[in-house]
């Protein structure tokens, strides 16, 4: 009987540096369900929803092949291990907006000065 299971057996992420850094703000690209390794939650229960935001608190490896990122989803109150392909960087929308937030000066005020 043939199966259509997609495996990443030919992918070795560890030949490259990790995609994300410690403390980096990331966003989940997928729903993540408990596979039985998360205590206090039922198997199959959704742990993280697509779009949830967290911070990378640890970087480990799995099967000497993949990076596993420990992501603290502070609003949910717990940390979940996730693969890099399940995450994306949550960058500020516009660097100019970030600079004006930090200085308290709007773009119009900066142009007048």
Protein backbone atom coordinates (compact mmCIF):
# COMPACT_ATOMS: atom_id res chain seq x y z
CA UNK A 1 0.00 0.00 0.00
CA UNK A 2 1.50 3.35 -1.03
CA UNK A 3 1.25 6.34 1.25
CA UNK A 4 1.41 10.00 0.41
CA UNK A 5 3.32 11.09 3.49
CA UNK A 6 5.57 14.06 2.76
CA UNK A 7 8.83 13.81 4.64
CA UNK A 8 11.69 16.30 4.82
CA UNK A 9 14.26 13.52 5.01
CA UNK A 10 16.50 15.11 2.36
CA UNK A 11 16.48 18.53 4.05
CA UNK A 12 19.25 19.31 6.55
CA UNK A 13 18.69 22.78 7.99
CA UNK A 14 21.75 22.57 10.24
CA UNK A 15 24.17 23.22 7.37
CA UNK A 16 22.97 26.86 7.52
CA UNK A 17 22.70 29.22 10.50
CA UNK A 18 19.30 29.46 12.23
CA UNK A 19 16.69 31.62 10.45
CA UNK A 20 15.75 33.42 13.66
CA UNK A 21 17.74 34.90 16.55
CA UNK A 22 17.21 34.80 20.29
CA UNK A 23 14.67 37.42 21.30
CA UNK A 24 13.39 37.92 17.76
CA UNK A 25 9.69 38.63 17.40
CA UNK A 26 8.02 36.00 15.22
CA UNK A 27 4.54 35.16 13.97
CA UNK A 28 3.04 31.71 13.48
CA UNK A 29 2.30 30.82 9.86
CA UNK A 30 0.22 27.77 10.82
CA UNK A 31 -2.07 26.34 13.43
CA UNK A 32 -0.14 24.10 15.82
CA UNK A 33 -1.89 21.25 17.62
CA UNK A 34 -0.68 19.28 20.60
CA UNK A 35 0.97 16.09 19.38
CA UNK A 36 0.94 14.69 22.89
CA UNK A 37 4.16 16.34 24.05
CA UNK A 38 2.59 19.46 25.57
CA UNK A 39 1.53 18.83 29.20
CA UNK A 40 -1.88 19.92 30.41
CA UNK A 41 -3.52 20.03 26.98
CA UNK A 42 -5.43 17.32 25.16
CA UNK A 43 -3.88 15.63 22.13
CA UNK A 44 -5.09 17.47 19.04
CA UNK A 45 -5.97 20.66 20.95
CA UNK A 46 -4.86 23.85 19.18
CA UNK A 47 -1.91 25.43 21.00
CA UNK A 48 -1.06 28.24 18.60
CA UNK A 49 -3.23 29.88 15.96
CA UNK A 50 -2.05 31.27 12.66
CA UNK A 51 -0.95 34.86 13.28
CA UNK A 52 -0.13 34.49 16.99
CA UNK A 53 2.97 36.50 17.97
CA UNK A 54 5.78 35.38 20.21
CA UNK A 55 9.51 35.70 20.88
CA UNK A 56 12.26 33.15 20.25
CA UNK A 57 13.61 32.06 23.66
CA UNK A 58 15.66 29.03 22.63
CA UNK A 59 17.12 27.37 19.56
CA UNK A 60 17.60 23.62 19.57
CA UNK A 61 17.88 20.81 17.06
CA UNK A 62 15.86 17.71 16.24
CA UNK A 63 17.18 14.51 14.62
CA UNK A 64 20.46 16.30 13.81
CA UNK A 65 18.54 17.76 10.91
CA UNK A 66 16.16 20.57 11.90
CA UNK A 67 16.22 23.68 14.06
CA UNK A 68 13.49 23.81 16.68
CA UNK A 69 12.68 27.26 18.01
CA UNK A 70 11.27 27.63 21.51
CA UNK A 71 8.78 30.46 21.06
CA UNK A 72 7.25 32.21 24.06
CA UNK A 73 3.71 33.17 23.14
CA UNK A 74 3.41 35.65 26.01
CA UNK A 75 -0.28 36.42 25.42
CA UNK A 76 -1.10 32.70 25.59
CA UNK A 77 1.10 32.17 28.64
CA UNK A 78 3.27 29.34 27.37
CA UNK A 79 6.18 28.31 25.18
CA UNK A 80 5.94 26.00 22.16
CA UNK A 81 8.64 24.35 20.06
CA UNK A 82 8.21 25.12 16.37
CA UNK A 83 10.03 24.49 13.10
CA UNK A 84 11.37 27.41 11.08
CA UNK A 85 8.92 26.74 8.24
CA UNK A 86 6.05 27.33 10.70
CA UNK A 87 7.30 30.83 11.58
CA UNK A 88 7.92 34.18 9.94
CA UNK A 89 9.67 37.27 11.25
CA UNK A 90 7.28 39.87 12.62
CA UNK A 91 9.04 43.01 11.41
CA UNK A 92 7.85 46.59 11.79
CA UNK A 93 5.72 47.63 8.81
CA UNK A 94 7.88 50.62 7.94
CA UNK A 95 11.26 51.62 9.34
CA UNK A 96 10.19 55.29 9.20
CA UNK A 97 7.22 54.56 11.42
CA UNK A 98 9.49 52.83 13.94
CA UNK A 99 11.93 55.75 14.02
CA UNK A 100 9.14 58.29 14.57
CA UNK A 101 7.68 56.16 17.37
CA UNK A 102 11.05 56.09 19.12
CA UNK A 103 11.72 59.83 18.79
CA UNK A 104 8.15 61.04 19.09
CA UNK A 105 8.59 63.11 15.91
CA UNK A 106 6.26 62.69 12.97
CA UNK A 107 7.54 62.62 9.40
CA UNK A 108 5.98 66.04 8.73
CA UNK A 109 7.72 67.55 11.77
CA UNK A 110 11.05 66.06 10.66
CA UNK A 111 10.67 67.59 7.19
CA UNK A 112 9.95 71.04 8.68
CA UNK A 113 13.10 70.98 10.83
